Amino acid sequence: MSTVIAPIYIEVASRHLLDERLEAAVRDLREVAMRTGSHGILITRNSPGHYTAALSDQVPFGMTREVIR
């Protein structure tokens, strides 16, 4: 049985909120990644204050990567 989790979209107006929301997203994604053992976590900055956190098969298991678009 595979576990699928949708990307987590984060929209914030302050750095404090960004840190809190990114930490929560990574924590939630890490739980799923530990069960599957096949995906890392990709954090994408889409624009100022707009981020996406998702499991990615392009990121090695156990790693978290950040990209800016």
PDB file of N, CA and C in Angstrom:
ATOM      1  N   MET A   1       0.840  -1.176   0.000  1.00  0.00           N
ATOM      2  CA  MET A   1       0.000   0.000   0.000  1.00  0.00           C
ATOM      3  C   MET A   1       0.885   1.239   0.000  1.00  0.00           C
ATOM      4  N   SER A   2       0.626   2.176  -0.904  1.00  0.00           N
ATOM      5  CA  SER A   2       1.434   3.384  -0.955  1.00  0.00           C
ATOM      6  C   SER A   2       0.717   4.525  -0.245  1.00  0.00           C
ATOM      7  N   THR A   3       1.508   5.420   0.295  1.00  0.00           N
ATOM      8  CA  THR A   3       0.976   6.584   0.979  1.00  0.00           C
ATOM      9  C   THR A   3       1.235   7.800   0.120  1.00  0.00           C
ATOM     10  N   VAL A   4       0.194   8.563  -0.166  1.00  0.00           N
ATOM     11  CA  VAL A   4       0.326   9.757  -0.979  1.00  0.00           C
ATOM     12  C   VAL A   4      -0.076  10.954  -0.131  1.00  0.00           C
ATOM     13  N   ILE A   5       0.685  12.021  -0.211  1.00  0.00           N
ATOM     14  CA  ILE A   5       0.344  13.242   0.493  1.00  0.00           C
ATOM     15  C   ILE A   5       0.453  14.394  -0.510  1.00  0.00           C
ATOM     16  N   ALA A   6      -0.556  15.227  -0.507  1.00  0.00           N
ATOM     17  CA  ALA A   6      -0.578  16.371  -1.419  1.00  0.00           C
ATOM     18  C   ALA A   6       0.461  17.393  -0.986  1.00  0.00           C
ATOM     19  N   PRO A   7       0.936  18.195  -1.921  1.00  0.00           N
ATOM     20  CA  PRO A   7       1.855  19.278  -1.551  1.00  0.00           C
ATOM     21  C   PRO A   7       1.189  20.198  -0.529  1.00  0.00           C
ATOM     22  N   ILE A   8       2.006  20.814   0.285  1.00  0.00           N
ATOM     23  CA  ILE A   8       1.522  21.757   1.283  1.00  0.00           C
ATOM     24  C   ILE A   8       1.860  23.155   0.791  1.00  0.00           C
ATOM     25  N   TYR A   9       0.833  23.975   0.628  1.00  0.00           N
ATOM     26  CA  TYR A   9       1.025  25.343   0.157  1.00  0.00           C
ATOM     27  C   TYR A   9       1.059  26.282   1.350  1.00  0.00           C
ATOM     28  N   ILE A  10       2.042  27.156   1.367  1.00  0.00           N
ATOM     29  CA  ILE A  10       2.255  28.070   2.490  1.00  0.00           C
ATOM     30  C   ILE A  10       2.263  29.492   1.954  1.00  0.00           C
ATOM     31  N   GLU A  11       1.428  30.339   2.554  1.00  0.00           N
ATOM     32  CA  GLU A  11       1.401  31.760   2.208  1.00  0.00           C
ATOM     33  C   GLU A  11       1.486  32.547   3.508  1.00  0.00           C
ATOM     34  N   VAL A  12       2.504  33.391   3.619  1.00  0.00           N
ATOM     35  CA  VAL A  12       2.729  34.136   4.862  1.00  0.00           C
ATOM     36  C   VAL A  12       3.125  35.577   4.566  1.00  0.00           C
ATOM     37  N   ALA A  13       2.965  36.413   5.604  1.00  0.00           N
ATOM     38  CA  ALA A  13       3.341  37.821   5.475  1.00  0.00           C
ATOM     39  C   ALA A  13       4.522  38.188   6.373  1.00  0.00           C
ATOM     40  N   SER A  14       4.940  37.248   7.251  1.00  0.00           N
ATOM     41  CA  SER A  14       6.054  37.561   8.144  1.00  0.00           C
ATOM     42  C   SER A  14       7.026  36.393   8.232  1.00  0.00           C
ATOM     43  N   ARG A  15       8.273  36.701   8.545  1.00  0.00           N
ATOM     44  CA  ARG A  15       9.317  35.673   8.670  1.00  0.00           C
ATOM     45  C   ARG A  15       8.997  34.695   9.797  1.00  0.00           C
ATOM     46  N   HIS A  16       8.459  35.212  10.903  1.00  0.00           N
ATOM     47  CA  HIS A  16       8.113  34.363  12.039  1.00  0.00           C
ATOM     48  C   HIS A  16       7.098  33.293  11.632  1.00  0.00           C
ATOM     49  N   LEU A  17       6.053  33.708  10.934  1.00  0.00           N
ATOM     50  CA  LEU A  17       5.055  32.743  10.469  1.00  0.00           C
ATOM     51  C   LEU A  17       5.653  31.768   9.463  1.00  0.00           C
ATOM     52  N   LEU A  18       6.531  32.257   8.608  1.00  0.00           N
ATOM     53  CA  LEU A  18       7.164  31.382   7.628  1.00  0.00           C
ATOM     54  C   LEU A  18       7.924  30.267   8.315  1.00  0.00           C
ATOM     55  N   ASP A  19       8.743  30.620   9.297  1.00  0.00           N
ATOM     56  CA  ASP A  19       9.505  29.602  10.019  1.00  0.00           C
ATOM     57  C   ASP A  19       8.589  28.570  10.658  1.00  0.00           C
ATOM     58  N   GLU A  20       7.528  29.026  11.313  1.00  0.00           N
ATOM     59  CA  GLU A  20       6.588  28.103  11.970  1.00  0.00           C
ATOM     60  C   GLU A  20       5.931  27.168  10.964  1.00  0.00           C
ATOM     61  N   ARG A  21       5.453  27.734   9.873  1.00  0.00           N
ATOM     62  CA  ARG A  21       4.714  26.926   8.883  1.00  0.00           C
ATOM     63  C   ARG A  21       5.625  25.969   8.137  1.00  0.00           C
ATOM     64  N   LEU A  22       6.844  26.412   7.808  1.00  0.00           N
ATOM     65  CA  LEU A  22       7.781  25.506   7.141  1.00  0.00           C
ATOM     66  C   LEU A  22       8.181  24.356   8.064  1.00  0.00           C
ATOM     67  N   GLU A  23       8.444  24.649   9.329  1.00  0.00           N
ATOM     68  CA  GLU A  23       8.784  23.583  10.280  1.00  0.00           C
ATOM     69  C   GLU A  23       7.658  22.580  10.406  1.00  0.00           C
ATOM     70  N   ALA A  24       6.415  23.058  10.479  1.00  0.00           N
ATOM     71  CA  ALA A  24       5.266  22.149  10.586  1.00  0.00           C
ATOM     72  C   ALA A  24       5.123  21.305   9.321  1.00  0.00           C
ATOM     73  N   ALA A  25       5.289  21.911   8.165  1.00  0.00           N
ATOM     74  CA  ALA A  25       5.176  21.175   6.906  1.00  0.00           C
ATOM     75  C   ALA A  25       6.249  20.099   6.796  1.00  0.00           C
ATOM     76  N   VAL A  26       7.486  20.456   7.114  1.00  0.00           N
ATOM     77  CA  VAL A  26       8.578  19.477   7.047  1.00  0.00           C
ATOM     78  C   VAL A  26       8.337  18.346   8.041  1.00  0.00           C
ATOM     79  N   ARG A  27       7.867  18.660   9.226  1.00  0.00           N
ATOM     80  CA  ARG A  27       7.569  17.630  10.224  1.00  0.00           C
ATOM     81  C   ARG A  27       6.514  16.655   9.696  1.00  0.00           C
ATOM     82  N   ASP A  28       5.435  17.180   9.111  1.00  0.00           N
ATOM     83  CA  ASP A  28       4.373  16.320   8.575  1.00  0.00           C
ATOM     84  C   ASP A  28       4.876  15.478   7.408  1.00  0.00           C
ATOM     85  N   LEU A  29       5.636  16.092   6.506  1.00  0.00           N
ATOM     86  CA  LEU A  29       6.165  15.352   5.359  1.00  0.00           C
ATOM     87  C   LEU A  29       7.186  14.313   5.782  1.00  0.00           C
ATOM     88  N   ARG A  30       7.986  14.628   6.787  1.00  0.00           N
ATOM     89  CA  ARG A  30       8.993  13.683   7.276  1.00  0.00           C
ATOM     90  C   ARG A  30       8.332  12.400   7.786  1.00  0.00           C
ATOM     91  N   GLU A  31       7.193  12.537   8.470  1.00  0.00           N
ATOM     92  CA  GLU A  31       6.486  11.349   8.970  1.00  0.00           C
ATOM     93  C   GLU A  31       6.114  10.416   7.823  1.00  0.00           C
ATOM     94  N   VAL A  32       5.606  10.983   6.740  1.00  0.00           N
ATOM     95  CA  VAL A  32       5.228  10.164   5.582  1.00  0.00           C
ATOM     96  C   VAL A  32       6.471   9.596   4.913  1.00  0.00           C
ATOM     97  N   ALA A  33       7.500  10.409   4.756  1.00  0.00           N
ATOM     98  CA  ALA A  33       8.739   9.942   4.116  1.00  0.00           C
ATOM     99  C   ALA A  33       9.352   8.767   4.874  1.00  0.00           C
ATOM    100  N   MET A  34       9.285   8.810   6.193  1.00  0.00           N
ATOM    101  CA  MET A  34       9.843   7.713   6.991  1.00  0.00           C
ATOM    102  C   MET A  34       9.102   6.404   6.727  1.00  0.00           C
ATOM    103  N   ARG A  35       7.813   6.487   6.443  1.00  0.00           N
ATOM    104  CA  ARG A  35       7.036   5.267   6.152  1.00  0.00           C
ATOM    105  C   ARG A  35       7.343   4.716   4.774  1.00  0.00           C
ATOM    106  N   THR A  36       7.569   5.604   3.803  1.00  0.00           N
ATOM    107  CA  THR A  36       7.812   5.129   2.439  1.00  0.00           C
ATOM    108  C   THR A  36       9.276   4.819   2.185  1.00  0.00           C
ATOM    109  N   GLY A  37      10.170   5.604   2.798  1.00  0.00           N
ATOM    110  CA  GLY A  37      11.600   5.377   2.628  1.00  0.00           C
ATOM    111  C   GLY A  37      12.112   5.626   1.228  1.00  0.00           C
ATOM    112  N   SER A  38      11.379   6.414   0.423  1.00  0.00           N
ATOM    113  CA  SER A  38      11.797   6.577  -0.963  1.00  0.00           C
ATOM    114  C   SER A  38      11.819   8.015  -1.466  1.00  0.00           C
ATOM    115  N   HIS A  39      11.394   8.975  -0.664  1.00  0.00           N
ATOM    116  CA  HIS A  39      11.329  10.363  -1.118  1.00  0.00           C
ATOM    117  C   HIS A  39      11.978  11.296  -0.110  1.00  0.00           C
ATOM    118  N   GLY A  40      12.546  12.372  -0.643  1.00  0.00           N
ATOM    119  CA  GLY A  40      13.016  13.451   0.199  1.00  0.00           C
ATOM    120  C   GLY A  40      11.985  14.569   0.183  1.00  0.00           C
ATOM    121  N   ILE A  41      12.338  15.693   0.783  1.00  0.00           N
ATOM    122  CA  ILE A  41      11.418  16.825   0.877  1.00  0.00           C
ATOM    123  C   ILE A  41      11.972  17.975   0.056  1.00  0.00           C
ATOM    124  N   LEU A  42      11.103  18.565  -0.749  1.00  0.00           N
ATOM    125  CA  LEU A  42      11.478  19.699  -1.581  1.00  0.00           C
ATOM    126  C   LEU A  42      10.653  20.917  -1.159  1.00  0.00           C
ATOM    127  N   ILE A  43      11.348  21.987  -0.783  1.00  0.00           N
ATOM    128  CA  ILE A  43      10.714  23.251  -0.433  1.00  0.00           C
ATOM    129  C   ILE A  43      10.976  24.200  -1.598  1.00  0.00           C
ATOM    130  N   THR A  44       9.918  24.754  -2.177  1.00  0.00           N
ATOM    131  CA  THR A  44      10.060  25.666  -3.311  1.00  0.00           C
ATOM    132  C   THR A  44       9.516  27.037  -2.942  1.00  0.00           C
ATOM    133  N   ARG A  45      10.343  28.049  -3.133  1.00  0.00           N
ATOM    134  CA  ARG A  45       9.876  29.430  -2.965  1.00  0.00           C
ATOM    135  C   ARG A  45       9.356  29.876  -4.320  1.00  0.00           C
ATOM    136  N   ASN A  46       8.036  29.999  -4.420  1.00  0.00           N
ATOM    137  CA  ASN A  46       7.399  30.351  -5.684  1.00  0.00           C
ATOM    138  C   ASN A  46       7.461  31.850  -5.938  1.00  0.00           C
ATOM    139  N   SER A  47       7.328  32.628  -4.882  1.00  0.00           N
ATOM    140  CA  SER A  47       7.429  34.086  -4.912  1.00  0.00           C
ATOM    141  C   SER A  47       7.539  34.529  -3.458  1.00  0.00           C
ATOM    142  N   PRO A  48       7.845  35.796  -3.205  1.00  0.00           N
ATOM    143  CA  PRO A  48       7.961  36.227  -1.810  1.00  0.00           C
ATOM    144  C   PRO A  48       6.694  35.899  -1.008  1.00  0.00           C
ATOM    145  N   GLY A  49       6.879  35.140   0.077  1.00  0.00           N
ATOM    146  CA  GLY A  49       5.763  34.771   0.940  1.00  0.00           C
ATOM    147  C   GLY A  49       4.942  33.585   0.479  1.00  0.00           C
ATOM    148  N   HIS A  50       5.281  32.981  -0.652  1.00  0.00           N
ATOM    149  CA  HIS A  50       4.534  31.842  -1.207  1.00  0.00           C
ATOM    150  C   HIS A  50       5.481  30.658  -1.421  1.00  0.00           C
ATOM    151  N   TYR A  51       5.211  29.581  -0.721  1.00  0.00           N
ATOM    152  CA  TYR A  51       6.069  28.401  -0.741  1.00  0.00           C
ATOM    153  C   TYR A  51       5.247  27.141  -0.953  1.00  0.00           C
ATOM    154  N   THR A  52       5.901  26.108  -1.461  1.00  0.00           N
ATOM    155  CA  THR A  52       5.306  24.783  -1.577  1.00  0.00           C
ATOM    156  C   THR A  52       6.281  23.796  -0.933  1.00  0.00           C
ATOM    157  N   ALA A  53       5.743  22.916  -0.099  1.00  0.00           N
ATOM    158  CA  ALA A  53       6.528  21.843   0.510  1.00  0.00           C
ATOM    159  C   ALA A  53       5.927  20.522   0.040  1.00  0.00           C
ATOM    160  N   ALA A  54       6.775  19.632  -0.469  1.00  0.00           N
ATOM    161  CA  ALA A  54       6.253  18.379  -1.016  1.00  0.00           C
ATOM    162  C   ALA A  54       7.299  17.276  -0.939  1.00  0.00           C
ATOM    163  N   LEU A  55       6.821  16.041  -0.946  1.00  0.00           N
ATOM    164  CA  LEU A  55       7.716  14.905  -1.112  1.00  0.00           C
ATOM    165  C   LEU A  55       8.139  14.868  -2.571  1.00  0.00           C
ATOM    166  N   SER A  56       9.382  14.494  -2.814  1.00  0.00           N
ATOM    167  CA  SER A  56       9.888  14.470  -4.179  1.00  0.00           C
ATOM    168  C   SER A  56      10.801  13.277  -4.396  1.00  0.00           C
ATOM    169  N   ASP A  57      10.586  12.581  -5.511  1.00  0.00           N
ATOM    170  CA  ASP A  57      11.496  11.489  -5.851  1.00  0.00           C
ATOM    171  C   ASP A  57      12.792  12.022  -6.459  1.00  0.00           C
ATOM    172  N   GLN A  58      12.869  13.342  -6.666  1.00  0.00           N
ATOM    173  CA  GLN A  58      14.081  13.980  -7.168  1.00  0.00           C
ATOM    174  C   GLN A  58      15.040  14.361  -6.040  1.00  0.00           C
ATOM    175  N   VAL A  59      14.582  14.206  -4.803  1.00  0.00           N
ATOM    176  CA  VAL A  59      15.398  14.495  -3.621  1.00  0.00           C
ATOM    177  C   VAL A  59      15.653  13.174  -2.908  1.00  0.00           C
ATOM    178  N   PRO A  60      16.897  12.838  -2.611  1.00  0.00           N
ATOM    179  CA  PRO A  60      17.183  11.567  -1.945  1.00  0.00           C
ATOM    180  C   PRO A  60      16.483  11.461  -0.590  1.00  0.00           C
ATOM    181  N   PHE A  61      16.069  10.253  -0.268  1.00  0.00           N
ATOM    182  CA  PHE A  61      15.443   9.987   1.029  1.00  0.00           C
ATOM    183  C   PHE A  61      16.352  10.487   2.144  1.00  0.00           C
ATOM    184  N   GLY A  62      15.765  11.155   3.118  1.00  0.00           N
ATOM    185  CA  GLY A  62      16.510  11.664   4.251  1.00  0.00           C
ATOM    186  C   GLY A  62      17.036  13.083   4.062  1.00  0.00           C
ATOM    187  N   MET A  63      16.807  13.649   2.880  1.00  0.00           N
ATOM    188  CA  MET A  63      17.305  14.992   2.582  1.00  0.00           C
ATOM    189  C   MET A  63      16.139  15.964   2.418  1.00  0.00           C
ATOM    190  N   THR A  64      16.420  17.246   2.682  1.00  0.00           N
ATOM    191  CA  THR A  64      15.490  18.330   2.395  1.00  0.00           C
ATOM    192  C   THR A  64      16.236  19.336   1.536  1.00  0.00           C
ATOM    193  N   ARG A  65      15.635  19.711   0.416  1.00  0.00           N
ATOM    194  CA  ARG A  65      16.257  20.692  -0.471  1.00  0.00           C
ATOM    195  C   ARG A  65      15.326  21.887  -0.644  1.00  0.00           C
ATOM    196  N   GLU A  66      15.940  23.031  -0.874  1.00  0.00           N
ATOM    197  CA  GLU A  66      15.181  24.258  -1.107  1.00  0.00           C
ATOM    198  C   GLU A  66      15.550  24.815  -2.473  1.00  0.00           C
ATOM    199  N   VAL A  67      14.539  25.281  -3.219  1.00  0.00           N
ATOM    200  CA  VAL A  67      14.777  25.925  -4.509  1.00  0.00           C
ATOM    201  C   VAL A  67      13.972  27.214  -4.562  1.00  0.00           C
ATOM    202  N   ILE A  68      14.464  28.142  -5.363  1.00  0.00           N
ATOM    203  CA  ILE A  68      13.777  29.414  -5.577  1.00  0.00           C
ATOM    204  C   ILE A  68      13.418  29.496  -7.050  1.00  0.00           C
ATOM    205  N   ARG A  69      12.177  29.788  -7.337  1.00  0.00           N
ATOM    206  CA  ARG A  69      11.758  29.933  -8.743  1.00  0.00           C
ATOM    207  C   ARG A  69      11.802  31.378  -9.147  1.00  0.00           C
TER     208      ARG A  69
END
